[in-house]
């Protein structure tokens, strides 16, 4: 079930009517904490916006909800972003972070060392994962690294909470998880990460997405959204101690319980991008952009999984138009680049 949270913007002299923007996310650091920071700091109101938040447990229901226009913009994994492009005309307008370390194949405490010493022993094993997710992509990338195919193992799809439960109770030895679920399994059941997307050479970016119709109707608000997101993210990097305190409060509200050590790990293992860096990885002046290459690889994984007969071309749904709007607008550019 979605959880709806209203954020009311107030200005001196009373409440003014702000333009509403509906924001969707999942409870993970770089898909959601920047929104929470922006609300706490009053930055939405500074750009005349009022966010209406909706929370989803995973990417598939999140992007499916876009069909009913229940949200306008949001943050999600790259797999849902591509699925959203193919089925719901969603655009990718920026990158939340490099979450290659945060998507991984995990093993139970008593089996992990054996699998790591002899990855070939994974052949014939069952792996529980969330199908057609970045976790699935990381798992299959790890299997390829070890010379194994998807057909060499038995895959069972389930939600992340179910995976944690199955592995904690001894009903599964191997699972595909993403942060912060990785840390929950590590801390509550002694699970161990045996291979991440990064270990397997697979770049797994998170995506900032928007409904194409909303982008066409409200391009300036899309640019404002990006400026707010980038500022909040860079503020978190520059003020880690305060950001972690806010993360703890935010996660508690969402029912996610992880230690401060794991919260620090979120910052240490998840590279993020400021405005200039976003523009650089989206730049096509020399051909395919870095983002094009990353999402093309993930799109091929989805095609091979039977998600669609042909993956959408990155150039058809990845655009830096709204980042360039921020860069060209002195007010928005200054706003995005602030770290206080």
Protein backbone atom coordinates (compact mmCIF):
# COMPACT_ATOMS: atom_id res chain seq x y z
CA UNK A 1 0.00 0.00 0.00
CA UNK A 2 1.30 3.46 -0.80
CA UNK A 3 1.92 5.89 2.02
CA UNK A 4 0.99 9.47 1.18
CA UNK A 5 2.69 12.34 3.00
CA UNK A 6 1.73 15.98 2.49
CA UNK A 7 4.44 18.61 2.75
CA UNK A 8 3.01 22.09 3.28
CA UNK A 9 5.02 25.13 2.23
CA UNK A 10 4.70 28.31 4.25
CA UNK A 11 6.22 31.73 3.63
CA UNK A 12 6.45 34.84 5.73
CA UNK A 13 3.10 36.55 6.00
CA UNK A 14 1.08 33.32 5.67
CA UNK A 15 0.60 30.38 3.39
CA UNK A 16 0.87 30.96 -0.35
CA UNK A 17 -0.46 28.63 -3.00
CA UNK A 18 2.52 26.69 -4.29
CA UNK A 19 2.56 24.55 -7.40
CA UNK A 20 2.10 20.93 -6.41
CA UNK A 21 4.52 18.31 -7.67
CA UNK A 22 3.88 14.63 -6.96
CA UNK A 23 7.09 12.80 -6.00
CA UNK A 24 7.50 9.01 -5.84
CA UNK A 25 10.25 6.99 -4.22
CA UNK A 26 11.28 3.82 -2.44
CA UNK A 27 12.80 3.90 1.06
CA UNK A 28 16.48 3.93 0.08
CA UNK A 29 19.16 6.56 0.70
CA UNK A 30 19.56 8.21 -2.69
CA UNK A 31 16.01 7.68 -3.89
CA UNK A 32 14.43 9.33 -0.90
CA UNK A 33 16.66 11.06 1.66
CA UNK A 34 17.23 14.12 -0.57
CA UNK A 35 13.46 14.66 -0.67
CA UNK A 36 13.25 14.46 3.10
CA UNK A 37 16.16 16.88 3.51
CA UNK A 38 14.59 19.31 1.05
CA UNK A 39 11.31 19.23 2.99
CA UNK A 40 13.05 19.68 6.35
CA UNK A 41 15.10 22.60 4.99
CA UNK A 42 12.16 24.28 3.25
CA UNK A 43 13.84 24.19 -0.16
CA UNK A 44 10.74 23.14 -2.11
CA UNK A 45 8.96 26.28 -0.97
CA UNK A 46 11.94 28.43 -1.97
CA UNK A 47 11.28 27.38 -5.56
CA UNK A 48 7.51 27.71 -5.20
CA UNK A 49 6.76 23.99 -5.12
CA UNK A 50 4.79 21.79 -2.73
CA UNK A 51 5.67 18.08 -2.88
CA UNK A 52 3.12 15.32 -2.45
CA UNK A 53 5.08 12.16 -1.67
CA UNK A 54 4.16 8.56 -2.42
CA UNK A 55 6.21 5.59 -1.20
CA UNK A 56 6.50 2.20 -2.90
CA UNK A 57 8.11 -1.07 -1.76
CA UNK A 58 9.75 -1.73 -5.14
CA UNK A 59 10.18 -0.30 -8.62
CA UNK A 60 7.58 -2.29 -10.56
CA UNK A 61 4.54 -1.03 -8.62
CA UNK A 62 6.08 2.42 -8.57
CA UNK A 63 6.36 2.75 -12.33
CA UNK A 64 2.99 1.05 -12.89
CA UNK A 65 1.37 3.77 -10.76
CA UNK A 66 2.59 6.38 -13.25
CA UNK A 67 -0.12 5.21 -15.66
CA UNK A 68 -2.77 6.71 -13.39
CA UNK A 69 -0.76 9.94 -13.03
CA UNK A 70 -0.48 9.35 -9.30
CA UNK A 71 3.02 10.86 -9.44
CA UNK A 72 4.98 13.23 -11.67
CA UNK A 73 8.66 12.74 -10.84
CA UNK A 74 10.67 10.33 -8.74
CA UNK A 75 13.72 8.25 -8.04
CA UNK A 76 13.99 4.54 -8.87
CA UNK A 77 16.37 1.83 -9.93
CA UNK A 78 17.57 1.69 -13.52
CA UNK A 79 15.61 -1.50 -14.29
CA UNK A 80 12.26 0.09 -13.36
CA UNK A 81 13.31 3.24 -15.22
CA UNK A 82 13.84 1.29 -18.43
CA UNK A 83 10.65 -0.71 -17.94
CA UNK A 84 8.85 2.60 -17.39
CA UNK A 85 10.30 3.95 -20.63
CA UNK A 86 9.13 0.89 -22.57
CA UNK A 87 5.62 0.74 -21.12
CA UNK A 88 4.71 4.15 -19.74
CA UNK A 89 6.82 6.70 -21.65
CA UNK A 90 8.88 7.64 -18.60
CA UNK A 91 11.98 9.75 -19.19
CA UNK A 92 15.28 9.41 -17.35
CA UNK A 93 16.48 12.94 -16.60
CA UNK A 94 19.38 12.33 -14.23
CA UNK A 95 21.20 9.77 -12.10
CA UNK A 96 20.64 9.41 -8.36
CA UNK A 97 23.89 7.57 -7.62
CA UNK A 98 26.12 4.69 -8.63
CA UNK A 99 24.63 1.84 -6.63
CA UNK A 100 26.78 -0.92 -8.10
CA UNK A 101 28.00 -1.91 -4.62
CA UNK A 102 24.48 -1.65 -3.22
CA UNK A 103 23.05 -4.43 -5.42
CA UNK A 104 24.49 -7.81 -4.61
CA UNK A 105 24.33 -11.56 -4.23
CA UNK A 106 24.18 -12.42 -0.54
CA UNK A 107 24.68 -15.74 1.22
CA UNK A 108 23.81 -17.03 4.66
CA UNK A 109 26.55 -16.94 7.28
CA UNK A 110 27.28 -20.67 7.26
CA UNK A 111 27.43 -21.00 3.46
CA UNK A 112 29.06 -17.72 2.36
CA UNK A 113 32.73 -18.66 2.79
CA UNK A 114 32.28 -21.91 0.89
CA UNK A 115 30.59 -20.18 -2.03
CA UNK A 116 33.28 -17.50 -2.11
CA UNK A 117 36.10 -20.06 -2.09
CA UNK A 118 34.41 -22.12 -4.79
CA UNK A 119 31.87 -20.10 -6.82
CA UNK A 120 31.33 -23.12 -9.08
CA UNK A 121 29.54 -24.75 -6.13
CA UNK A 122 26.69 -22.28 -6.71
CA UNK A 123 25.70 -24.34 -9.74
CA UNK A 124 22.46 -26.14 -9.00
CA UNK A 125 21.66 -23.92 -6.03
CA UNK A 126 18.44 -21.93 -5.55
CA UNK A 127 18.65 -18.13 -5.50
CA UNK A 128 15.80 -15.98 -4.21
CA UNK A 129 15.62 -12.52 -5.74
CA UNK A 130 13.24 -9.86 -6.98
CA UNK A 131 12.88 -10.61 -10.69
CA UNK A 132 13.58 -7.86 -13.21
CA UNK A 133 15.28 -5.67 -10.63
CA UNK A 134 18.73 -4.17 -10.23
CA UNK A 135 19.34 -6.93 -7.69
CA UNK A 136 18.54 -9.50 -10.38
CA UNK A 137 20.93 -7.70 -12.77
CA UNK A 138 23.74 -7.80 -10.19
CA UNK A 139 23.14 -11.50 -9.47
CA UNK A 140 23.23 -12.47 -13.15
CA UNK A 141 26.35 -10.34 -13.67
CA UNK A 142 28.02 -12.20 -10.80
CA UNK A 143 27.03 -15.57 -12.25
CA UNK A 144 28.59 -14.61 -15.60
CA UNK A 145 31.76 -13.52 -13.82
CA UNK A 146 32.05 -17.04 -12.42
CA UNK A 147 31.28 -18.71 -15.76
CA UNK A 148 27.75 -19.66 -14.73
CA UNK A 149 24.50 -19.06 -16.60
CA UNK A 150 21.07 -18.26 -15.24
CA UNK A 151 20.03 -21.77 -16.30
CA UNK A 152 22.70 -23.22 -13.98
CA UNK A 153 20.72 -22.14 -10.91
CA UNK A 154 17.11 -22.19 -9.77
CA UNK A 155 15.61 -18.71 -9.50
CA UNK A 156 12.64 -17.93 -7.27
CA UNK A 157 11.21 -14.42 -7.33
CA UNK A 158 10.00 -12.73 -4.17
CA UNK A 159 9.95 -9.33 -2.51
CA UNK A 160 12.92 -8.03 -0.57
CA UNK A 161 11.28 -8.48 2.84
CA UNK A 162 10.41 -12.08 1.91
CA UNK A 163 14.01 -12.72 0.87
CA UNK A 164 15.31 -11.48 4.21
CA UNK A 165 12.78 -13.67 6.00
CA UNK A 166 13.63 -16.74 3.91
CA UNK A 167 17.37 -16.36 4.43
CA UNK A 168 17.04 -15.51 8.13
CA UNK A 169 14.94 -18.62 8.76
CA UNK A 170 17.26 -20.95 6.85
CA UNK A 171 14.85 -21.51 3.97
CA UNK A 172 17.25 -20.01 1.43
CA UNK A 173 21.04 -19.83 1.22
CA UNK A 174 21.47 -17.30 -1.59
CA UNK A 175 19.59 -14.09 -2.32
CA UNK A 176 19.74 -11.01 -4.49
CA UNK A 177 19.30 -7.84 -2.41
CA UNK A 178 19.80 -4.12 -2.63
CA UNK A 179 20.61 -1.56 0.06
CA UNK A 180 19.39 -0.97 2.72
CA UNK A 181 18.07 -4.56 2.71
CA UNK A 182 21.65 -5.80 2.40
CA UNK A 183 22.50 -4.25 5.76
CA UNK A 184 19.35 -5.60 7.39
CA UNK A 185 20.32 -9.14 6.42
CA UNK A 186 23.92 -8.60 7.54
CA UNK A 187 22.92 -7.23 10.93
CA UNK A 188 19.91 -9.38 11.75
CA UNK A 189 20.95 -12.74 10.33
CA UNK A 190 24.69 -12.54 9.71
CA UNK A 191 24.29 -12.62 5.95
CA UNK A 192 27.39 -11.93 3.87
CA UNK A 193 27.86 -10.15 0.57
CA UNK A 194 29.68 -12.51 -1.77
CA UNK A 195 29.50 -10.50 -5.01
CA UNK A 196 28.22 -7.02 -5.85
CA UNK A 197 27.43 -5.48 -9.20
CA UNK A 198 30.71 -3.59 -8.95
CA UNK A 199 32.62 -6.81 -8.30
CA UNK A 200 31.13 -8.19 -11.51
CA UNK A 201 31.91 -5.07 -13.55
CA UNK A 202 28.26 -4.06 -13.86
CA UNK A 203 27.45 -0.38 -13.35
CA UNK A 204 24.07 -0.10 -11.65
CA UNK A 205 22.88 3.52 -11.60
CA UNK A 206 19.77 4.81 -9.91
CA UNK A 207 17.58 7.03 -12.07
CA UNK A 208 15.68 10.28 -11.70
CA UNK A 209 12.53 9.86 -13.74
CA UNK A 210 9.55 11.88 -14.93
CA UNK A 211 6.33 11.23 -16.78
CA UNK A 212 6.79 12.51 -20.35
CA UNK A 213 3.42 14.28 -20.29
CA UNK A 214 4.28 16.16 -17.11
CA UNK A 215 7.72 17.09 -18.48
CA UNK A 216 6.11 18.56 -21.59
CA UNK A 217 3.50 20.48 -19.60
CA UNK A 218 5.72 21.65 -16.73
CA UNK A 219 9.35 21.74 -17.93
CA UNK A 220 10.33 24.52 -15.52
CA UNK A 221 9.03 22.54 -12.55
CA UNK A 222 11.01 19.52 -13.70
CA UNK A 223 14.14 21.70 -13.76
CA UNK A 224 13.31 23.01 -10.28
CA UNK A 225 12.88 19.44 -9.05
CA UNK A 226 16.35 18.54 -10.33
CA UNK A 227 17.90 21.63 -8.72
CA UNK A 228 16.30 20.76 -5.37
CA UNK A 229 17.36 17.11 -5.56
CA UNK A 230 20.98 17.89 -6.47
CA UNK A 231 21.28 20.53 -3.76
CA UNK A 232 19.88 18.19 -1.09
CA UNK A 233 22.17 15.39 -2.17
CA UNK A 234 25.28 17.56 -2.15
CA UNK A 235 24.27 19.00 1.22
CA UNK A 236 24.08 15.44 2.61
CA UNK A 237 27.59 14.69 1.37
CA UNK A 238 28.95 17.90 2.89
CA UNK A 239 27.09 17.43 6.21
CA UNK A 240 27.27 13.69 6.75
CA UNK A 241 26.76 13.67 10.53
CA UNK A 242 23.57 15.73 10.32
CA UNK A 243 22.43 13.82 7.23
CA UNK A 244 22.84 10.49 9.03
CA UNK A 245 20.73 11.77 11.92
CA UNK A 246 18.05 12.73 9.41
CA UNK A 247 18.42 9.38 7.64
CA UNK A 248 17.85 7.54 10.91
CA UNK A 249 14.67 9.53 11.53
CA UNK A 250 13.50 9.01 7.97
CA UNK A 251 14.21 5.28 7.98
CA UNK A 252 12.47 4.87 11.35
CA UNK A 253 9.35 6.45 9.88
CA UNK A 254 9.52 3.99 6.97
CA UNK A 255 10.06 0.96 9.20
CA UNK A 256 13.69 0.41 8.10
CA UNK A 257 16.10 -0.41 10.91
CA UNK A 258 19.86 -0.35 10.25
CA UNK A 259 22.87 0.67 12.32
CA UNK A 260 24.86 3.88 12.06
CA UNK A 261 27.74 1.80 10.68
CA UNK A 262 25.56 0.71 7.79
CA UNK A 263 24.33 4.26 7.28
CA UNK A 264 27.94 5.37 6.91
CA UNK A 265 28.47 2.52 4.48
CA UNK A 266 25.65 3.96 2.36
CA UNK A 267 27.66 7.15 1.95
CA UNK A 268 31.01 5.40 1.48
CA UNK A 269 29.90 3.01 -1.26
CA UNK A 270 27.45 5.07 -3.33
CA UNK A 271 29.12 7.75 -5.54
CA UNK A 272 26.85 10.70 -6.38
CA UNK A 273 26.94 13.46 -8.98
CA UNK A 274 26.75 17.23 -8.72
CA UNK A 275 25.30 19.31 -11.56
CA UNK A 276 28.52 19.45 -13.61
CA UNK A 277 29.07 15.72 -13.17
CA UNK A 278 25.47 14.95 -14.14
CA UNK A 279 25.93 16.91 -17.35
CA UNK A 280 29.22 15.13 -18.05
CA UNK A 281 27.85 11.58 -17.75
CA UNK A 282 24.81 12.57 -19.86
CA UNK A 283 26.89 14.27 -22.59
CA UNK A 284 26.51 12.80 -26.10
CA UNK A 285 28.87 15.13 -27.93
CA UNK A 286 31.30 12.24 -28.52
CA UNK A 287 28.64 9.64 -29.27
CA UNK A 288 26.92 7.54 -26.62
CA UNK A 289 26.97 9.10 -23.17
CA UNK A 290 28.10 7.15 -20.12
CA UNK A 291 24.49 6.91 -19.02
CA UNK A 292 23.51 5.60 -22.47
CA UNK A 293 26.09 2.81 -22.13
CA UNK A 294 25.02 1.86 -18.61
CA UNK A 295 21.32 1.71 -19.45
CA UNK A 296 21.89 -0.06 -22.76
CA UNK A 297 23.61 -2.87 -20.86
CA UNK A 298 20.76 -3.12 -18.39
CA UNK A 299 18.21 -2.96 -21.20
CA UNK A 300 19.87 -5.96 -22.86
CA UNK A 301 19.69 -7.86 -19.57
CA UNK A 302 15.95 -7.15 -19.45
CA UNK A 303 15.47 -8.22 -23.08
CA UNK A 304 17.30 -11.47 -22.35
CA UNK A 305 14.97 -11.97 -19.38
CA UNK A 306 12.00 -11.74 -21.73
CA UNK A 307 10.77 -8.39 -20.40
CA UNK A 308 10.31 -7.08 -23.93
CA UNK A 309 11.29 -8.27 -27.42
CA UNK A 310 13.56 -5.27 -27.91
CA UNK A 311 14.97 -2.89 -25.33
CA UNK A 312 14.16 0.81 -25.87
CA UNK A 313 17.12 2.74 -27.25
CA UNK A 314 18.67 4.91 -24.53
CA UNK A 315 18.49 8.00 -26.73
CA UNK A 316 14.70 7.60 -26.87
CA UNK A 317 14.18 8.11 -23.13
CA UNK A 318 17.40 9.47 -21.60
CA UNK A 319 17.60 13.25 -21.85
CA UNK A 320 19.76 15.98 -20.35
CA UNK A 321 17.31 18.69 -21.46
CA UNK A 322 16.18 19.52 -17.93
CA UNK A 323 19.68 19.44 -16.46
CA UNK A 324 20.70 21.90 -19.16
CA UNK A 325 17.75 24.10 -18.17
CA UNK A 326 19.15 24.18 -14.64
CA UNK A 327 22.62 24.96 -15.96
CA UNK A 328 21.36 27.83 -18.14
CA UNK A 329 19.28 29.45 -15.39
CA UNK A 330 21.58 31.45 -13.06
CA UNK A 331 19.13 31.19 -10.14
CA UNK A 332 18.58 27.44 -10.47
CA UNK A 333 22.25 26.74 -11.10
CA UNK A 334 23.28 28.66 -7.98
CA UNK A 335 20.56 26.89 -6.01
CA UNK A 336 21.68 23.43 -7.20
CA UNK A 337 25.31 24.14 -6.41
CA UNK A 338 24.71 25.31 -2.82
CA UNK A 339 25.97 23.00 -0.11
CA UNK A 340 24.52 24.84 2.89
